[in-house]
ModelCIF file with pLDDT and N, C-alpha, C, O atoms, coordinates in Angstrom:
data_MODEL
#
_entry.id   MODEL 
#
_entity.id                         1 
_entity.type                       polymer 
_entity.pdbx_number_of_molecules   1 
#
_entity_poly.entity_id                      1 
_entity_poly.type                           'polypeptide(L)' 
_entity_poly.nstd_linkage                   no 
_entity_poly.nstd_monomer                   no 
_entity_poly.pdbx_seq_one_letter_code       GELYLSPVGLSLVSKIAPPRMISLFMGIWFL 
_entity_poly.pdbx_seq_one_letter_code_can   GELYLSPVGLSLVSKIAPPRMISLFMGIWFL 
_entity_poly.pdbx_strand_id                 A 
#
loop_
_entity_poly_seq.entity_id 
_entity_poly_seq.num 
_entity_poly_seq.mon_id 
_entity_poly_seq.hetero 
1 1  GLY n 
1 2  GLU n 
1 3  LEU n 
1 4  TYR n 
1 5  LEU n 
1 6  SER n 
1 7  PRO n 
1 8  VAL n 
1 9  GLY n 
1 10 LEU n 
1 11 SER n 
1 12 LEU n 
1 13 VAL n 
1 14 SER n 
1 15 LYS n 
1 16 ILE n 
1 17 ALA n 
1 18 PRO n 
1 19 PRO n 
1 20 ARG n 
1 21 MET n 
1 22 ILE n 
1 23 SER n 
1 24 LEU n 
1 25 PHE n 
1 26 MET n 
1 27 GLY n 
1 28 ILE n 
1 29 TRP n 
1 30 PHE n 
1 31 LEU n 
#
_struct_asym.id          A 
_struct_asym.entity_id   1 
#
loop_
_ma_qa_metric.id 
_ma_qa_metric.mode 
_ma_qa_metric.name 
_ma_qa_metric.software_group_id 
_ma_qa_metric.type 
1 global pLDDT . pLDDT 
2 local  pLDDT . pLDDT 
#
_ma_qa_metric_global.metric_id      1 
_ma_qa_metric_global.metric_value   82.77 
_ma_qa_metric_global.model_id       1 
_ma_qa_metric_global.ordinal_id     1 
#
loop_
_ma_qa_metric_local.label_asym_id 
_ma_qa_metric_local.label_comp_id 
_ma_qa_metric_local.label_seq_id 
_ma_qa_metric_local.metric_id 
_ma_qa_metric_local.metric_value 
_ma_qa_metric_local.model_id 
_ma_qa_metric_local.ordinal_id 
A GLY 1  2 96.00 1 1  
A GLU 2  2 94.00 1 2  
A LEU 3  2 91.00 1 3  
A TYR 4  2 92.00 1 4  
A LEU 5  2 92.00 1 5  
A SER 6  2 89.00 1 6  
A PRO 7  2 83.00 1 7  
A VAL 8  2 82.00 1 8  
A GLY 9  2 85.00 1 9  
A LEU 10 2 81.00 1 10 
A SER 11 2 76.00 1 11 
A LEU 12 2 79.00 1 12 
A VAL 13 2 80.00 1 13 
A SER 14 2 74.00 1 14 
A LYS 15 2 74.00 1 15 
A ILE 16 2 77.00 1 16 
A ALA 17 2 77.00 1 17 
A PRO 18 2 74.00 1 18 
A PRO 19 2 72.00 1 19 
A ARG 20 2 74.00 1 20 
A MET 21 2 78.00 1 21 
A ILE 22 2 80.00 1 22 
A SER 23 2 81.00 1 23 
A LEU 24 2 82.00 1 24 
A PHE 25 2 84.00 1 25 
A MET 26 2 85.00 1 26 
A GLY 27 2 86.00 1 27 
A ILE 28 2 86.00 1 28 
A TRP 29 2 88.00 1 29 
A PHE 30 2 86.00 1 30 
A LEU 31 2 88.00 1 31 
#
loop_
_atom_site.group_PDB 
_atom_site.id 
_atom_site.type_symbol 
_atom_site.label_atom_id 
_atom_site.label_alt_id 
_atom_site.label_comp_id 
_atom_site.label_asym_id 
_atom_site.label_entity_id 
_atom_site.label_seq_id 
_atom_site.pdbx_PDB_ins_code 
_atom_site.Cartn_x 
_atom_site.Cartn_y 
_atom_site.Cartn_z 
_atom_site.occupancy 
_atom_site.B_iso_or_equiv 
_atom_site.pdbx_formal_charge 
_atom_site.auth_seq_id 
_atom_site.auth_comp_id 
_atom_site.auth_asym_id 
_atom_site.auth_atom_id 
_atom_site.pdbx_PDB_model_num 
ATOM 1   N N  . GLY A 1 1  ? -3.050 17.824  0.682   1.00 96.00 ? 1  GLY A N  1 
ATOM 2   C CA . GLY A 1 1  ? -3.821 16.740  0.075   1.00 96.00 ? 1  GLY A CA 1 
ATOM 3   C C  . GLY A 1 1  ? -2.991 15.490  -0.097  1.00 96.00 ? 1  GLY A C  1 
ATOM 4   O O  . GLY A 1 1  ? -3.467 14.383  0.155   1.00 96.00 ? 1  GLY A O  1 
ATOM 5   N N  . GLU A 1 2  ? -1.750 15.659  -0.526  1.00 94.00 ? 2  GLU A N  1 
ATOM 6   C CA . GLU A 1 2  ? -0.855 14.517  -0.711  1.00 94.00 ? 2  GLU A CA 1 
ATOM 7   C C  . GLU A 1 2  ? -0.569 13.816  0.612   1.00 94.00 ? 2  GLU A C  1 
ATOM 8   O O  . GLU A 1 2  ? -0.563 12.587  0.670   1.00 94.00 ? 2  GLU A O  1 
ATOM 9   N N  . LEU A 1 3  ? -0.330 14.584  1.679   1.00 91.00 ? 3  LEU A N  1 
ATOM 10  C CA . LEU A 1 3  ? -0.016 13.990  2.976   1.00 91.00 ? 3  LEU A CA 1 
ATOM 11  C C  . LEU A 1 3  ? -1.188 13.203  3.550   1.00 91.00 ? 3  LEU A C  1 
ATOM 12  O O  . LEU A 1 3  ? -0.994 12.244  4.298   1.00 91.00 ? 3  LEU A O  1 
ATOM 13  N N  . TYR A 1 4  ? -2.394 13.608  3.201   1.00 92.00 ? 4  TYR A N  1 
ATOM 14  C CA . TYR A 1 4  ? -3.578 12.881  3.661   1.00 92.00 ? 4  TYR A CA 1 
ATOM 15  C C  . TYR A 1 4  ? -3.844 11.635  2.822   1.00 92.00 ? 4  TYR A C  1 
ATOM 16  O O  . TYR A 1 4  ? -4.682 10.810  3.186   1.00 92.00 ? 4  TYR A O  1 
ATOM 17  N N  . LEU A 1 5  ? -3.135 11.493  1.698   1.00 92.00 ? 5  LEU A N  1 
ATOM 18  C CA . LEU A 1 5  ? -3.458 10.383  0.812   1.00 92.00 ? 5  LEU A CA 1 
ATOM 19  C C  . LEU A 1 5  ? -2.305 9.409   0.584   1.00 92.00 ? 5  LEU A C  1 
ATOM 20  O O  . LEU A 1 5  ? -2.478 8.209   0.798   1.00 92.00 ? 5  LEU A O  1 
ATOM 21  N N  . SER A 1 6  ? -1.140 9.883   0.159   1.00 89.00 ? 6  SER A N  1 
ATOM 22  C CA . SER A 1 6  ? -0.094 8.978   -0.309  1.00 89.00 ? 6  SER A CA 1 
ATOM 23  C C  . SER A 1 6  ? 0.532  8.116   0.796   1.00 89.00 ? 6  SER A C  1 
ATOM 24  O O  . SER A 1 6  ? 0.504  6.892   0.669   1.00 89.00 ? 6  SER A O  1 
ATOM 25  N N  . PRO A 1 7  ? 1.098  8.685   1.875   1.00 83.00 ? 7  PRO A N  1 
ATOM 26  C CA . PRO A 1 7  ? 1.664  7.804   2.904   1.00 83.00 ? 7  PRO A CA 1 
ATOM 27  C C  . PRO A 1 7  ? 0.616  6.958   3.610   1.00 83.00 ? 7  PRO A C  1 
ATOM 28  O O  . PRO A 1 7  ? 0.907  5.850   4.060   1.00 83.00 ? 7  PRO A O  1 
ATOM 29  N N  . VAL A 1 8  ? -0.598 7.477   3.708   1.00 82.00 ? 8  VAL A N  1 
ATOM 30  C CA . VAL A 1 8  ? -1.688 6.701   4.306   1.00 82.00 ? 8  VAL A CA 1 
ATOM 31  C C  . VAL A 1 8  ? -1.955 5.448   3.476   1.00 82.00 ? 8  VAL A C  1 
ATOM 32  O O  . VAL A 1 8  ? -2.215 4.374   4.019   1.00 82.00 ? 8  VAL A O  1 
ATOM 33  N N  . GLY A 1 9  ? -1.888 5.601   2.152   1.00 85.00 ? 9  GLY A N  1 
ATOM 34  C CA . GLY A 1 9  ? -2.086 4.449   1.277   1.00 85.00 ? 9  GLY A CA 1 
ATOM 35  C C  . GLY A 1 9  ? -0.997 3.410   1.420   1.00 85.00 ? 9  GLY A C  1 
ATOM 36  O O  . GLY A 1 9  ? -1.287 2.214   1.429   1.00 85.00 ? 9  GLY A O  1 
ATOM 37  N N  . LEU A 1 10 ? 0.256  3.839   1.533   1.00 81.00 ? 10 LEU A N  1 
ATOM 38  C CA . LEU A 1 10 ? 1.356  2.894   1.728   1.00 81.00 ? 10 LEU A CA 1 
ATOM 39  C C  . LEU A 1 10 ? 1.177  2.102   3.011   1.00 81.00 ? 10 LEU A C  1 
ATOM 40  O O  . LEU A 1 10 ? 1.405  0.892   3.034   1.00 81.00 ? 10 LEU A O  1 
ATOM 41  N N  . SER A 1 11 ? 0.771  2.776   4.077   1.00 76.00 ? 11 SER A N  1 
ATOM 42  C CA . SER A 1 11 ? 0.544  2.093   5.346   1.00 76.00 ? 11 SER A CA 1 
ATOM 43  C C  . SER A 1 11 ? -0.620 1.108   5.225   1.00 76.00 ? 11 SER A C  1 
ATOM 44  O O  . SER A 1 11 ? -0.581 0.014   5.788   1.00 76.00 ? 11 SER A O  1 
ATOM 45  N N  . LEU A 1 12 ? -1.645 1.505   4.489   1.00 79.00 ? 12 LEU A N  1 
ATOM 46  C CA . LEU A 1 12 ? -2.809 0.642   4.293   1.00 79.00 ? 12 LEU A CA 1 
ATOM 47  C C  . LEU A 1 12 ? -2.408 -0.664  3.614   1.00 79.00 ? 12 LEU A C  1 
ATOM 48  O O  . LEU A 1 12 ? -2.900 -1.733  3.976   1.00 79.00 ? 12 LEU A O  1 
ATOM 49  N N  . VAL A 1 13 ? -1.509 -0.575  2.623   1.00 80.00 ? 13 VAL A N  1 
ATOM 50  C CA . VAL A 1 13 ? -1.040 -1.783  1.940   1.00 80.00 ? 13 VAL A CA 1 
ATOM 51  C C  . VAL A 1 13 ? -0.375 -2.723  2.926   1.00 80.00 ? 13 VAL A C  1 
ATOM 52  O O  . VAL A 1 13 ? -0.638 -3.926  2.914   1.00 80.00 ? 13 VAL A O  1 
ATOM 53  N N  . SER A 1 14 ? 0.494  -2.178  3.789   1.00 74.00 ? 14 SER A N  1 
ATOM 54  C CA . SER A 1 14 ? 1.230  -3.023  4.723   1.00 74.00 ? 14 SER A CA 1 
ATOM 55  C C  . SER A 1 14 ? 0.317  -3.691  5.736   1.00 74.00 ? 14 SER A C  1 
ATOM 56  O O  . SER A 1 14 ? 0.665  -4.733  6.291   1.00 74.00 ? 14 SER A O  1 
ATOM 57  N N  . LYS A 1 15 ? -0.854 -3.101  5.984   1.00 74.00 ? 15 LYS A N  1 
ATOM 58  C CA . LYS A 1 15 ? -1.792 -3.690  6.940   1.00 74.00 ? 15 LYS A CA 1 
ATOM 59  C C  . LYS A 1 15 ? -2.654 -4.775  6.303   1.00 74.00 ? 15 LYS A C  1 
ATOM 60  O O  . LYS A 1 15 ? -3.018 -5.744  6.969   1.00 74.00 ? 15 LYS A O  1 
ATOM 61  N N  . ILE A 1 16 ? -2.978 -4.627  5.044   1.00 77.00 ? 16 ILE A N  1 
ATOM 62  C CA . ILE A 1 16 ? -3.956 -5.501  4.397   1.00 77.00 ? 16 ILE A CA 1 
ATOM 63  C C  . ILE A 1 16 ? -3.316 -6.683  3.685   1.00 77.00 ? 16 ILE A C  1 
ATOM 64  O O  . ILE A 1 16 ? -3.879 -7.778  3.676   1.00 77.00 ? 16 ILE A O  1 
ATOM 65  N N  . ALA A 1 17 ? -2.129 -6.472  3.078   1.00 77.00 ? 17 ALA A N  1 
ATOM 66  C CA . ALA A 1 17 ? -1.557 -7.486  2.184   1.00 77.00 ? 17 ALA A CA 1 
ATOM 67  C C  . ALA A 1 17 ? -1.189 -8.768  2.923   1.00 77.00 ? 17 ALA A C  1 
ATOM 68  O O  . ALA A 1 17 ? -0.612 -8.703  4.009   1.00 77.00 ? 17 ALA A O  1 
ATOM 69  N N  . PRO A 1 18 ? -1.514 -9.938  2.354   1.00 74.00 ? 18 PRO A N  1 
ATOM 70  C CA . PRO A 1 18 ? -0.993 -11.196 2.900   1.00 74.00 ? 18 PRO A CA 1 
ATOM 71  C C  . PRO A 1 18 ? 0.532  -11.175 2.871   1.00 74.00 ? 18 PRO A C  1 
ATOM 72  O O  . PRO A 1 18 ? 1.107  -10.629 1.930   1.00 74.00 ? 18 PRO A O  1 
ATOM 73  N N  . PRO A 1 19 ? 1.202  -11.745 3.861   1.00 72.00 ? 19 PRO A N  1 
ATOM 74  C CA . PRO A 1 19 ? 2.663  -11.628 3.984   1.00 72.00 ? 19 PRO A CA 1 
ATOM 75  C C  . PRO A 1 19 ? 3.424  -12.025 2.730   1.00 72.00 ? 19 PRO A C  1 
ATOM 76  O O  . PRO A 1 19 ? 4.406  -11.375 2.372   1.00 72.00 ? 19 PRO A O  1 
ATOM 77  N N  . ARG A 1 20 ? 2.990  -13.077 2.061   1.00 74.00 ? 20 ARG A N  1 
ATOM 78  C CA . ARG A 1 20 ? 3.739  -13.556 0.905   1.00 74.00 ? 20 ARG A CA 1 
ATOM 79  C C  . ARG A 1 20 ? 3.399  -12.800 -0.382  1.00 74.00 ? 20 ARG A C  1 
ATOM 80  O O  . ARG A 1 20 ? 3.934  -13.114 -1.445  1.00 74.00 ? 20 ARG A O  1 
ATOM 81  N N  . MET A 1 21 ? 2.518  -11.814 -0.288  1.00 78.00 ? 21 MET A N  1 
ATOM 82  C CA . MET A 1 21 ? 2.119  -11.058 -1.475  1.00 78.00 ? 21 MET A CA 1 
ATOM 83  C C  . MET A 1 21 ? 2.324  -9.560  -1.287  1.00 78.00 ? 21 MET A C  1 
ATOM 84  O O  . MET A 1 21 ? 1.716  -8.759  -1.997  1.00 78.00 ? 21 MET A O  1 
ATOM 85  N N  . ILE A 1 22 ? 3.174  -9.175  -0.338  1.00 80.00 ? 22 ILE A N  1 
ATOM 86  C CA . ILE A 1 22 ? 3.317  -7.776  -0.001  1.00 80.00 ? 22 ILE A CA 1 
ATOM 87  C C  . ILE A 1 22 ? 3.847  -6.952  -1.181  1.00 80.00 ? 22 ILE A C  1 
ATOM 88  O O  . ILE A 1 22 ? 3.368  -5.844  -1.427  1.00 80.00 ? 22 ILE A O  1 
ATOM 89  N N  . SER A 1 23 ? 4.834  -7.489  -1.912  1.00 81.00 ? 23 SER A N  1 
ATOM 90  C CA . SER A 1 23 ? 5.372  -6.738  -3.051  1.00 81.00 ? 23 SER A CA 1 
ATOM 91  C C  . SER A 1 23 ? 4.347  -6.611  -4.158  1.00 81.00 ? 23 SER A C  1 
ATOM 92  O O  . SER A 1 23 ? 4.255  -5.568  -4.806  1.00 81.00 ? 23 SER A O  1 
ATOM 93  N N  . LEU A 1 24 ? 3.567  -7.673  -4.382  1.00 82.00 ? 24 LEU A N  1 
ATOM 94  C CA . LEU A 1 24 ? 2.521  -7.616  -5.397  1.00 82.00 ? 24 LEU A CA 1 
ATOM 95  C C  . LEU A 1 24 ? 1.479  -6.567  -5.037  1.00 82.00 ? 24 LEU A C  1 
ATOM 96  O O  . LEU A 1 24 ? 1.027  -5.818  -5.903  1.00 82.00 ? 24 LEU A O  1 
ATOM 97  N N  . PHE A 1 25 ? 1.095  -6.507  -3.765  1.00 84.00 ? 25 PHE A N  1 
ATOM 98  C CA . PHE A 1 25 ? 0.099  -5.518  -3.347  1.00 84.00 ? 25 PHE A CA 1 
ATOM 99  C C  . PHE A 1 25 ? 0.646  -4.097  -3.450  1.00 84.00 ? 25 PHE A C  1 
ATOM 100 O O  . PHE A 1 25 ? -0.093 -3.168  -3.778  1.00 84.00 ? 25 PHE A O  1 
ATOM 101 N N  . MET A 1 26 ? 1.930  -3.926  -3.172  1.00 85.00 ? 26 MET A N  1 
ATOM 102 C CA . MET A 1 26 ? 2.538  -2.622  -3.407  1.00 85.00 ? 26 MET A CA 1 
ATOM 103 C C  . MET A 1 26 ? 2.440  -2.272  -4.886  1.00 85.00 ? 26 MET A C  1 
ATOM 104 O O  . MET A 1 26 ? 2.194  -1.122  -5.248  1.00 85.00 ? 26 MET A O  1 
ATOM 105 N N  . GLY A 1 27 ? 2.635  -3.272  -5.731  1.00 86.00 ? 27 GLY A N  1 
ATOM 106 C CA . GLY A 1 27 ? 2.504  -3.043  -7.164  1.00 86.00 ? 27 GLY A CA 1 
ATOM 107 C C  . GLY A 1 27 ? 1.101  -2.622  -7.553  1.00 86.00 ? 27 GLY A C  1 
ATOM 108 O O  . GLY A 1 27 ? 0.927  -1.769  -8.424  1.00 86.00 ? 27 GLY A O  1 
ATOM 109 N N  . ILE A 1 28 ? 0.077  -3.224  -6.905  1.00 86.00 ? 28 ILE A N  1 
ATOM 110 C CA . ILE A 1 28 ? -1.312 -2.830  -7.177  1.00 86.00 ? 28 ILE A CA 1 
ATOM 111 C C  . ILE A 1 28 ? -1.546 -1.378  -6.762  1.00 86.00 ? 28 ILE A C  1 
ATOM 112 O O  . ILE A 1 28 ? -2.231 -0.632  -7.462  1.00 86.00 ? 28 ILE A O  1 
ATOM 113 N N  . TRP A 1 29 ? -0.972 -0.976  -5.615  1.00 88.00 ? 29 TRP A N  1 
ATOM 114 C CA . TRP A 1 29 ? -1.105 0.413   -5.172  1.00 88.00 ? 29 TRP A CA 1 
ATOM 115 C C  . TRP A 1 29 ? -0.494 1.369   -6.193  1.00 88.00 ? 29 TRP A C  1 
ATOM 116 O O  . TRP A 1 29 ? -1.090 2.388   -6.542  1.00 88.00 ? 29 TRP A O  1 
ATOM 117 N N  . PHE A 1 30 ? 0.707  1.023   -6.666  1.00 86.00 ? 30 PHE A N  1 
ATOM 118 C CA . PHE A 1 30 ? 1.359  1.886   -7.645  1.00 86.00 ? 30 PHE A CA 1 
ATOM 119 C C  . PHE A 1 30 ? 0.665  1.840   -9.004  1.00 86.00 ? 30 PHE A C  1 
ATOM 120 O O  . PHE A 1 30 ? 0.817  2.751   -9.818  1.00 86.00 ? 30 PHE A O  1 
ATOM 121 N N  . LEU A 1 31 ? -0.103 0.762   -9.243  1.00 88.00 ? 31 LEU A N  1 
ATOM 122 C CA . LEU A 1 31 ? -0.863 0.693   -10.495 1.00 88.00 ? 31 LEU A CA 1 
ATOM 123 C C  . LEU A 1 31 ? -1.879 1.830   -10.584 1.00 88.00 ? 31 LEU A C  1 
ATOM 124 O O  . LEU A 1 31 ? -2.608 1.931   -11.571 1.00 88.00 ? 31 LEU A O  1 
#
């Protein structure tokens, strides 16, 4: 279950986040 969810989410952040807000979007994921 974790493998289907956690790394997939990290990759999703890197695809969606605007370049200058990547760390902030990572923060939203961890929120």
